[in-house]
Amino acid sequence: MGEALRFEILHRCPGSAARVGRVTTAHGEFDTPAFMAVGTRASVKGLSVDHIAATGTQVVLNNTYHLMLRPGEGTIQRAGGAHRFMGWPGPILTDSGGYQAYSMADLNDIDDDGVTFRSIVDGSKIRLTPERSIAVQNAIGADIIMAFDDCPPSVDPEAGPTNQTRIRIAARRDADRGRGYDHATRLAVANERTVRWLERCRAAHARPGEQALFGIVQGGTDPAARAWCAERVCNIDLPGYAIGGVAVGEPHEQIAAVTAHTARLLPEGKPRYLMGVGYERDLVAAVLAGVDMFDCVLPTRNARNAQAFTRAGPLRLRNAAHGEDFGPVEAGCGCPACDPAGHGWLTPGGGRFSRAYIRHLFMAGEMLGPILLSLHNLWHFQRLMLDIRRAIAEDDWPRFAREWPRAAVAIPVGSRTAIPPRGGDACNE
């Protein structure tokens, strides 16, 4: 069997840890830093694979937990794997189900062997262990598969952000059962499980020559816990490593600090993947810290809620102010919604879809609205990554800062003309 993944670093930023690279898999290449489109159930909602490719997307993510429930990994395997099943010819990454154990904590029970879920389909109990997660991912056939990990709350759920309601419910439930909750203890237990489960994942991996297994570093926002986990996870030789448990409610400054601290602990010559991070300034901060891969549901989830991302900031197209605005979502944008003619779409005179029309689609409940905004938002993030790669390759962050002012706020003050020295806490200021 050949090499499941090859990673080349093509250029390094002289003033930061940012780098441009290329990942090669059995189903093709993708450039890094890369933003993966999230196709949870083997579908990026509302978009055909031609649509996805038209946005500049090179790699997509599938969700192991949801595909295990429907249609079942056996169906996908009999179809010839995820690539044939969904019709996507390029690289695919599958997560492990570990994040679902965190995000649906009020619906599951976790122990040292694995997690028992209550199915969101029929309420039945489902057991997911490291071995089961890897077996499902082996059957799905993605190019990159993730280790099954224990993802703890990033901060104490009782003191944390409001969007951790389900985590607080789980913590209180466990306290009522006499287990209590201590955040430092929870981090330590999660770290130990994550390392042990990674060893079990590697032992269970049946297709190492075809699928690259990535380990995941946990540790919440505690630098010492992150360092402990990173040392032990990276002692297991793997094709790549990920930073998990970030962007689950923390402010930008804390996301950047945790990412910068953890990224420098990961092997220099392996791809580094920051899981679930999507706001532009968080992406830029992570790239400066040396991260290569990203995924997030923001572009398409927000699109389905009538929010468009633009370089000048987000637009809420349900707002009445857009009702008579016949201009494009974003002037100068090359996406299929803003520039249909550029993608071979037949519109009168090569005309674009206006803000007023897209607002009408949402107000009327027409599915074309979410489709057009999903195309626009994915294009926006792929253009962001393209310009980030150009800024690194050409050592031209000042140009990037002019063209992406909102994203460039992650570049430290005074560094939009000169990036801070490599190794400094550039993203923490």
Protein backbone atom coordinates (compact mmCIF):
# COMPACT_ATOMS: atom_id res chain seq x y z
CA MET A 1 0.00 0.00 0.00
CA GLY A 2 1.14 3.53 -0.74
CA GLU A 3 1.31 6.68 1.33
CA ALA A 4 -2.14 7.86 2.43
CA LEU A 5 -1.15 11.53 2.65
CA ARG A 6 1.76 13.69 1.61
CA PHE A 7 2.27 17.23 2.90
CA GLU A 8 4.63 19.71 1.28
CA ILE A 9 5.45 23.14 2.69
CA LEU A 10 5.99 25.36 -0.35
CA HIS A 11 6.67 28.73 1.28
CA ARG A 12 7.04 30.12 4.78
CA CYS A 13 6.16 33.61 5.95
CA PRO A 14 9.45 35.17 7.15
CA GLY A 15 7.78 37.10 9.95
CA SER A 16 5.30 34.58 11.38
CA ALA A 17 4.60 30.85 11.55
CA ALA A 18 2.29 31.02 8.51
CA ARG A 19 3.06 28.73 5.61
CA VAL A 20 1.69 27.76 2.20
CA GLY A 21 1.55 24.07 1.44
CA ARG A 22 -0.12 21.27 -0.44
CA VAL A 23 -1.75 18.08 0.81
CA THR A 24 -1.87 15.15 -1.60
CA THR A 25 -4.30 12.26 -1.09
CA ALA A 26 -5.54 9.34 -3.17
CA HIS A 27 -8.37 11.55 -4.43
CA GLY A 28 -6.33 14.59 -5.34
CA GLU A 29 -4.66 17.61 -3.82
CA PHE A 30 -5.69 20.66 -1.87
CA ASP A 31 -3.76 23.84 -1.14
CA THR A 32 -3.12 25.04 2.39
CA PRO A 33 -4.14 27.02 4.32
CA ALA A 34 -7.41 25.33 3.34
CA PHE A 35 -11.03 25.86 4.31
CA MET A 36 -13.15 22.71 4.07
CA ALA A 37 -16.81 22.92 3.14
CA VAL A 38 -18.94 21.00 5.64
CA GLY A 39 -21.09 18.31 4.03
CA THR A 40 -22.48 16.78 7.21
CA ARG A 41 -24.66 14.08 5.66
CA ALA A 42 -22.58 13.63 2.48
CA SER A 43 -24.13 16.82 1.14
CA VAL A 44 -23.28 20.51 1.42
CA LYS A 45 -26.88 21.56 1.92
CA GLY A 46 -28.56 22.69 -1.28
CA LEU A 47 -25.46 22.48 -3.47
CA SER A 48 -24.46 20.01 -6.17
CA VAL A 49 -20.83 18.94 -6.38
CA ASP A 50 -20.46 21.23 -9.41
CA HIS A 51 -21.72 24.11 -7.27
CA ILE A 52 -19.24 23.22 -4.53
CA ALA A 53 -16.34 23.09 -6.97
CA ALA A 54 -17.42 26.40 -8.52
CA THR A 55 -16.80 28.14 -5.18
CA GLY A 56 -13.14 27.10 -5.25
CA THR A 57 -13.62 24.41 -2.60
CA GLN A 58 -11.04 21.63 -2.89
CA VAL A 59 -11.86 19.40 0.10
CA VAL A 60 -15.09 18.64 1.97
CA LEU A 61 -15.93 17.23 5.39
CA ASN A 62 -18.46 14.49 6.18
CA ASN A 63 -19.87 13.73 9.62
CA THR A 64 -19.27 10.20 10.89
CA TYR A 65 -21.99 10.24 13.55
CA HIS A 66 -24.76 11.38 11.20
CA LEU A 67 -23.74 9.05 8.35
CA MET A 68 -23.58 6.13 10.78
CA LEU A 69 -27.24 6.83 11.64
CA ARG A 70 -28.40 7.51 8.07
CA PRO A 71 -27.93 5.82 5.65
CA GLY A 72 -25.47 3.68 7.63
CA GLU A 73 -21.84 3.07 6.80
CA GLY A 74 -22.68 -0.26 5.14
CA THR A 75 -24.75 1.48 2.47
CA ILE A 76 -21.95 3.93 1.75
CA GLN A 77 -19.40 1.15 1.59
CA ARG A 78 -21.54 -0.84 -0.85
CA ALA A 79 -21.91 2.30 -2.97
CA GLY A 80 -18.12 2.37 -3.32
CA GLY A 81 -17.32 4.84 -0.53
CA ALA A 82 -18.22 8.43 0.21
CA HIS A 83 -16.67 9.82 -2.97
CA ARG A 84 -18.87 7.73 -5.25
CA PHE A 85 -21.89 7.97 -2.95
CA MET A 86 -22.00 11.79 -2.98
CA GLY A 87 -20.35 12.25 -6.38
CA TRP A 88 -17.45 14.32 -5.05
CA PRO A 89 -14.17 13.39 -6.77
CA GLY A 90 -11.82 15.33 -4.49
CA PRO A 91 -10.45 14.76 -0.99
CA ILE A 92 -12.87 14.09 1.89
CA LEU A 93 -12.25 14.27 5.65
CA THR A 94 -14.50 12.59 8.20
CA ASP A 95 -14.73 13.61 11.82
CA SER A 96 -14.99 10.89 14.45
CA GLY A 97 -18.16 11.55 16.44
CA GLY A 98 -16.19 12.97 19.36
CA TYR A 99 -17.59 16.47 18.85
CA GLN A 100 -21.16 15.12 18.84
CA ALA A 101 -20.42 13.59 22.24
CA TYR A 102 -19.65 17.13 23.39
CA SER A 103 -22.33 19.09 21.53
CA MET A 104 -25.12 16.67 22.54
CA ALA A 105 -23.79 16.05 26.05
CA ASP A 106 -27.30 16.15 27.49
CA LEU A 107 -28.25 13.18 25.27
CA ASN A 108 -25.33 10.86 25.99
CA ASP A 109 -23.28 9.17 28.66
CA ILE A 110 -19.51 9.01 28.46
CA ASP A 111 -17.20 6.59 30.25
CA ASP A 112 -13.63 5.39 29.92
CA ASP A 113 -14.53 2.94 27.15
CA GLY A 114 -16.65 5.19 24.91
CA VAL A 115 -19.92 7.08 24.56
CA THR A 116 -23.54 5.92 24.61
CA PHE A 117 -25.71 8.18 22.45
CA ARG A 118 -29.43 8.52 22.20
CA SER A 119 -30.12 8.49 18.46
CA ILE A 120 -31.52 11.73 17.08
CA VAL A 121 -33.34 9.62 14.48
CA ASP A 122 -35.37 7.18 16.59
CA GLY A 123 -34.19 7.62 20.19
CA SER A 124 -32.46 4.23 20.32
CA LYS A 125 -29.20 3.80 22.19
CA ILE A 126 -26.03 3.76 20.12
CA ARG A 127 -22.60 2.85 21.43
CA LEU A 128 -19.56 4.56 19.93
CA THR A 129 -16.06 3.52 20.96
CA PRO A 130 -12.69 4.30 19.37
CA GLU A 131 -12.83 0.97 17.54
CA ARG A 132 -16.38 1.54 16.30
CA SER A 133 -15.61 5.09 15.15
CA ILE A 134 -12.62 3.92 13.12
CA ALA A 135 -14.55 0.99 11.64
CA VAL A 136 -17.29 3.38 10.48
CA GLN A 137 -14.72 5.77 8.98
CA ASN A 138 -12.88 2.91 7.29
CA ALA A 139 -16.18 1.91 5.67
CA ILE A 140 -17.04 5.47 4.62
CA GLY A 141 -13.64 5.68 2.94
CA ALA A 142 -12.58 9.31 3.49
CA ASP A 143 -9.01 10.31 2.69
CA ILE A 144 -8.44 11.80 6.16
CA ILE A 145 -10.09 10.32 9.25
CA MET A 146 -10.08 11.67 12.78
CA ALA A 147 -9.34 9.89 16.05
CA PHE A 148 -12.25 9.45 18.46
CA ASP A 149 -11.54 11.83 21.32
CA ASP A 150 -13.13 13.14 24.50
CA CYS A 151 -13.94 16.80 23.90
CA PRO A 152 -14.49 18.58 27.24
CA PRO A 153 -16.06 22.02 27.74
CA SER A 154 -13.45 24.67 26.99
CA VAL A 155 -14.36 26.52 30.19
CA ASP A 156 -16.39 25.71 33.30
CA PRO A 157 -19.97 25.33 31.98
CA GLU A 158 -21.43 27.19 34.96
CA ALA A 159 -19.14 30.16 34.38
CA GLY A 160 -18.94 29.91 30.61
CA PRO A 161 -20.71 31.54 27.68
CA THR A 162 -24.45 31.33 27.19
CA ASN A 163 -24.22 29.06 24.14
CA GLN A 164 -23.10 26.14 26.32
CA THR A 165 -26.59 25.52 27.72
CA ARG A 166 -26.62 21.82 26.80
CA ILE A 167 -23.20 21.37 28.42
CA ARG A 168 -24.46 23.00 31.63
CA ILE A 169 -27.47 20.69 31.62
CA ALA A 170 -25.16 17.67 31.31
CA ALA A 171 -22.89 18.95 34.10
CA ARG A 172 -25.86 19.46 36.43
CA ARG A 173 -27.24 16.04 35.52
CA ASP A 174 -23.93 14.41 36.44
CA ALA A 175 -23.82 16.41 39.67
CA ASP A 176 -27.30 15.16 40.54
CA ARG A 177 -26.03 11.62 40.02
CA GLY A 178 -23.40 12.24 42.66
CA ARG A 179 -20.50 12.64 40.24
CA GLY A 180 -20.12 16.36 40.83
CA TYR A 181 -18.30 18.61 38.39
CA ASP A 182 -14.84 20.09 38.69
CA HIS A 183 -13.50 21.66 35.52
CA ALA A 184 -9.81 20.92 36.10
CA THR A 185 -10.65 17.29 36.80
CA ARG A 186 -12.82 17.13 33.69
CA LEU A 187 -9.93 18.44 31.54
CA ALA A 188 -7.52 15.91 33.02
CA VAL A 189 -9.90 13.00 32.50
CA ALA A 190 -10.63 14.10 28.91
CA ASN A 191 -6.93 14.40 28.12
CA GLU A 192 -6.14 10.96 29.48
CA ARG A 193 -9.05 9.43 27.56
CA THR A 194 -8.08 11.25 24.38
CA VAL A 195 -4.57 9.79 24.49
CA ARG A 196 -5.73 6.27 25.37
CA TRP A 197 -8.44 6.38 22.73
CA LEU A 198 -5.96 7.57 20.11
CA GLU A 199 -3.83 4.50 20.76
CA ARG A 200 -6.92 2.33 20.36
CA CYS A 201 -7.85 4.16 17.14
CA ARG A 202 -4.43 3.57 15.65
CA ALA A 203 -4.56 -0.12 16.56
CA ALA A 204 -8.05 -0.47 15.02
CA HIS A 205 -7.24 1.43 11.81
CA ALA A 206 -7.57 -1.14 9.01
CA ARG A 207 -6.65 1.08 6.04
CA PRO A 208 -3.56 3.12 7.02
CA GLY A 209 -2.17 3.02 3.49
CA GLU A 210 -5.31 4.64 2.07
CA GLN A 211 -6.67 6.81 4.88
CA ALA A 212 -4.60 9.23 6.95
CA LEU A 213 -5.46 9.16 10.67
CA PHE A 214 -5.11 12.49 12.52
CA GLY A 215 -4.80 12.80 16.30
CA ILE A 216 -6.56 15.55 18.24
CA VAL A 217 -5.18 17.72 21.04
CA GLN A 218 -7.63 18.72 23.78
CA GLY A 219 -7.15 20.69 26.99
CA GLY A 220 -9.72 23.47 27.00
CA THR A 221 -8.27 26.93 27.53
CA ASP A 222 -5.69 25.71 30.06
CA PRO A 223 -2.17 26.07 28.57
CA ALA A 224 -0.72 23.38 30.83
CA ALA A 225 -3.48 20.91 29.92
CA ARG A 226 -2.95 21.66 26.24
CA ALA A 227 0.79 21.10 26.55
CA TRP A 228 0.27 17.82 28.42
CA CYS A 229 -2.08 16.51 25.76
CA ALA A 230 0.00 17.77 22.81
CA GLU A 231 3.14 16.04 24.07
CA ARG A 232 1.45 12.67 24.39
CA VAL A 233 -0.64 12.85 21.23
CA CYS A 234 2.38 13.91 19.17
CA ASN A 235 4.44 11.07 20.60
CA ILE A 236 2.22 8.84 18.45
CA ASP A 237 3.51 9.16 14.89
CA LEU A 238 0.61 10.10 12.60
CA PRO A 239 0.18 11.86 9.24
CA GLY A 240 -1.35 14.96 10.86
CA TYR A 241 -2.62 16.54 14.06
CA ALA A 242 -5.61 18.66 15.03
CA ILE A 243 -6.50 21.22 17.67
CA GLY A 244 -9.95 20.36 19.05
CA GLY A 245 -12.29 21.93 21.58
CA VAL A 246 -11.77 25.52 20.37
CA ALA A 247 -14.37 28.10 19.28
CA VAL A 248 -17.14 26.65 21.44
CA GLY A 249 -18.01 29.98 23.00
CA GLU A 250 -14.68 31.66 23.78
CA PRO A 251 -13.98 35.22 22.60
CA HIS A 252 -11.61 35.84 19.69
CA GLU A 253 -8.69 36.71 21.94
CA GLN A 254 -8.94 33.43 23.81
CA ILE A 255 -9.36 31.39 20.63
CA ALA A 256 -6.24 33.02 19.20
CA ALA A 257 -4.24 32.48 22.38
CA VAL A 258 -5.14 28.79 22.70
CA THR A 259 -4.47 28.20 19.01
CA ALA A 260 -1.10 29.95 19.01
CA HIS A 261 -0.01 28.12 22.17
CA THR A 262 -1.05 24.71 20.85
CA ALA A 263 0.05 25.05 17.21
CA ARG A 264 3.68 25.58 18.15
CA LEU A 265 3.59 22.29 20.06
CA LEU A 266 2.60 20.29 16.96
CA PRO A 267 5.15 18.81 14.52
CA GLU A 268 6.45 21.34 12.01
CA GLY A 269 6.37 18.97 9.04
CA LYS A 270 2.81 17.65 9.48
CA PRO A 271 -0.47 19.40 8.58
CA ARG A 272 -2.12 21.19 11.50
CA TYR A 273 -5.91 21.29 11.58
CA LEU A 274 -7.96 23.70 13.72
CA MET A 275 -11.39 22.13 14.04
CA GLY A 276 -14.64 24.08 13.75
CA VAL A 277 -13.25 27.62 13.47
CA GLY A 278 -14.74 29.91 10.82
CA TYR A 279 -14.88 33.64 11.48
CA GLU A 280 -12.45 35.51 9.27
CA ARG A 281 -10.32 37.07 11.98
CA ASP A 282 -10.04 33.72 13.79
CA LEU A 283 -8.81 32.11 10.57
CA VAL A 284 -6.18 34.81 10.01
CA ALA A 285 -4.93 34.57 13.59
CA ALA A 286 -4.66 30.79 13.30
CA VAL A 287 -2.82 30.98 9.96
CA LEU A 288 -0.28 33.34 11.52
CA ALA A 289 0.16 30.74 14.27
CA GLY A 290 1.00 28.06 11.69
CA VAL A 291 -2.34 26.25 11.17
CA ASP A 292 -3.02 24.68 7.76
CA MET A 293 -6.59 23.35 7.72
CA PHE A 294 -9.99 24.63 8.84
CA ASP A 295 -13.66 23.73 8.67
CA CYS A 296 -16.83 25.42 9.83
CA VAL A 297 -20.57 25.38 9.15
CA LEU A 298 -20.77 29.20 9.29
CA PRO A 299 -20.80 29.90 5.54
CA THR A 300 -23.71 27.61 4.74
CA ARG A 301 -25.60 27.68 8.04
CA ASN A 302 -25.62 31.47 8.09
CA ALA A 303 -26.55 31.52 4.41
CA ARG A 304 -29.65 29.48 5.20
CA ASN A 305 -30.54 32.18 7.69
CA ALA A 306 -30.18 34.97 5.11
CA GLN A 307 -26.78 36.22 6.28
CA ALA A 308 -24.17 37.01 3.65
CA PHE A 309 -20.49 37.45 4.46
CA THR A 310 -18.75 40.33 2.68
CA ARG A 311 -15.38 42.03 3.04
CA ALA A 312 -17.16 45.02 4.59
CA GLY A 313 -18.98 42.85 7.12
CA PRO A 314 -22.06 40.60 7.27
CA LEU A 315 -25.35 41.51 5.63
CA ARG A 316 -28.73 40.38 6.93
CA LEU A 317 -30.75 40.19 3.74
CA ARG A 318 -34.11 39.86 5.47
CA ASN A 319 -33.72 43.48 6.56
CA ALA A 320 -36.20 45.80 4.83
CA ALA A 321 -33.35 48.06 3.73
CA HIS A 322 -32.50 45.54 1.01
CA GLY A 323 -36.05 45.37 -0.38
CA GLU A 324 -35.35 47.87 -3.18
CA ASP A 325 -31.60 47.32 -3.50
CA PHE A 326 -30.98 46.01 -7.01
CA GLY A 327 -27.23 45.81 -6.65
CA PRO A 328 -25.37 42.52 -6.07
CA VAL A 329 -24.73 41.00 -2.67
CA GLU A 330 -21.18 42.34 -2.96
CA ALA A 331 -19.79 44.52 -5.72
CA GLY A 332 -16.79 42.95 -7.41
CA CYS A 333 -17.52 39.45 -6.06
CA GLY A 334 -17.00 36.65 -8.58
CA CYS A 335 -19.37 34.09 -7.04
CA PRO A 336 -22.21 32.53 -9.08
CA ALA A 337 -24.78 34.76 -7.35
CA CYS A 338 -22.92 38.03 -7.92
CA ASP A 339 -21.45 37.08 -11.33
CA PRO A 340 -23.67 34.40 -12.94
CA ALA A 341 -22.30 35.02 -16.43
CA GLY A 342 -18.80 34.25 -15.22
CA HIS A 343 -19.98 30.75 -14.36
CA GLY A 344 -21.97 30.10 -17.52
CA TRP A 345 -25.37 30.75 -15.96
CA LEU A 346 -27.99 32.04 -18.38
CA THR A 347 -29.43 35.31 -17.08
CA PRO A 348 -30.71 38.23 -19.19
CA GLY A 349 -27.70 40.19 -20.38
CA GLY A 350 -25.48 38.22 -18.01
CA GLY A 351 -27.19 40.01 -15.13
CA ARG A 352 -26.59 39.26 -11.47
CA PHE A 353 -28.97 38.28 -8.69
CA SER A 354 -29.77 41.38 -6.66
CA ARG A 355 -30.07 41.84 -2.91
CA ALA A 356 -33.73 42.71 -3.45
CA TYR A 357 -34.37 39.46 -5.34
CA ILE A 358 -32.54 37.30 -2.80
CA ARG A 359 -34.42 39.01 0.04
CA HIS A 360 -37.67 38.25 -1.80
CA LEU A 361 -36.67 34.57 -2.06
CA PHE A 362 -36.18 34.36 1.71
CA MET A 363 -39.35 36.25 2.52
CA ALA A 364 -41.30 33.96 0.16
CA GLY A 365 -39.72 30.78 1.53
CA GLU A 366 -38.11 29.88 -1.80
CA MET A 367 -35.17 27.46 -1.59
CA LEU A 368 -33.16 29.37 -4.19
CA GLY A 369 -32.36 32.05 -1.62
CA PRO A 370 -30.31 29.78 0.67
CA ILE A 371 -28.66 28.20 -2.38
CA LEU A 372 -27.49 31.54 -3.79
CA LEU A 373 -26.21 32.76 -0.42
CA SER A 374 -24.48 29.43 0.26
CA LEU A 375 -22.64 29.82 -3.04
CA HIS A 376 -21.72 33.39 -2.18
CA ASN A 377 -20.54 32.60 1.35
CA LEU A 378 -18.43 29.62 0.33
CA TRP A 379 -16.89 31.71 -2.44
CA HIS A 380 -16.17 34.43 0.12
CA PHE A 381 -14.27 32.06 2.40
CA GLN A 382 -12.41 30.35 -0.43
CA ARG A 383 -11.37 33.77 -1.78
CA LEU A 384 -10.22 34.68 1.73
CA MET A 385 -8.01 31.58 1.85
CA LEU A 386 -6.69 32.23 -1.66
CA ASP A 387 -5.69 35.77 -0.67
CA ILE A 388 -4.15 34.50 2.58
CA ARG A 389 -2.03 32.06 0.56
CA ARG A 390 -1.02 34.88 -1.75
CA ALA A 391 -0.09 37.12 1.20
CA ILE A 392 2.16 34.37 2.57
CA ALA A 393 3.72 33.46 -0.79
CA GLU A 394 4.38 37.08 -1.74
CA ASP A 395 5.18 38.28 1.78
CA ASP A 396 2.52 40.95 1.28
CA TRP A 397 0.32 41.19 4.36
CA PRO A 398 -0.13 44.97 3.95
CA ARG A 399 -2.01 44.33 0.69
CA PHE A 400 -4.12 41.69 2.43
CA ALA A 401 -4.93 44.16 5.22
CA ARG A 402 -6.13 46.72 2.68
CA GLU A 403 -8.29 44.21 0.83
CA TRP A 404 -9.65 42.38 3.91
CA PRO A 405 -9.89 45.04 6.63
CA ARG A 406 -12.24 43.10 8.90
CA ALA A 407 -10.20 39.90 8.71
CA ALA A 408 -6.98 41.83 9.18
CA VAL A 409 -7.97 42.94 12.68
CA ALA A 410 -6.36 39.65 13.76
CA ILE A 411 -3.01 40.98 12.57
CA PRO A 412 -1.46 42.78 15.58
CA VAL A 413 -1.48 46.56 15.64
CA GLY A 414 1.58 47.88 13.84
CA SER A 415 2.00 44.62 11.98
CA ARG A 416 -0.14 45.39 8.97
CA THR A 417 3.00 46.77 7.44
CA ALA A 418 5.40 44.35 9.17
CA ILE A 419 4.32 41.01 10.61
CA PRO A 420 5.79 40.33 14.10
CA PRO A 421 8.78 37.99 14.49
CA ARG A 422 8.25 34.26 14.12
CA GLY A 423 7.65 32.58 17.45
CA GLY A 424 6.23 35.65 19.17
CA ASP A 425 2.68 35.69 20.51
CA ALA A 426 1.55 37.69 17.52
CA CYS A 427 -2.04 36.56 17.79
CA ASN A 428 -2.38 37.21 21.50
CA GLU A 429 -1.96 40.97 21.55
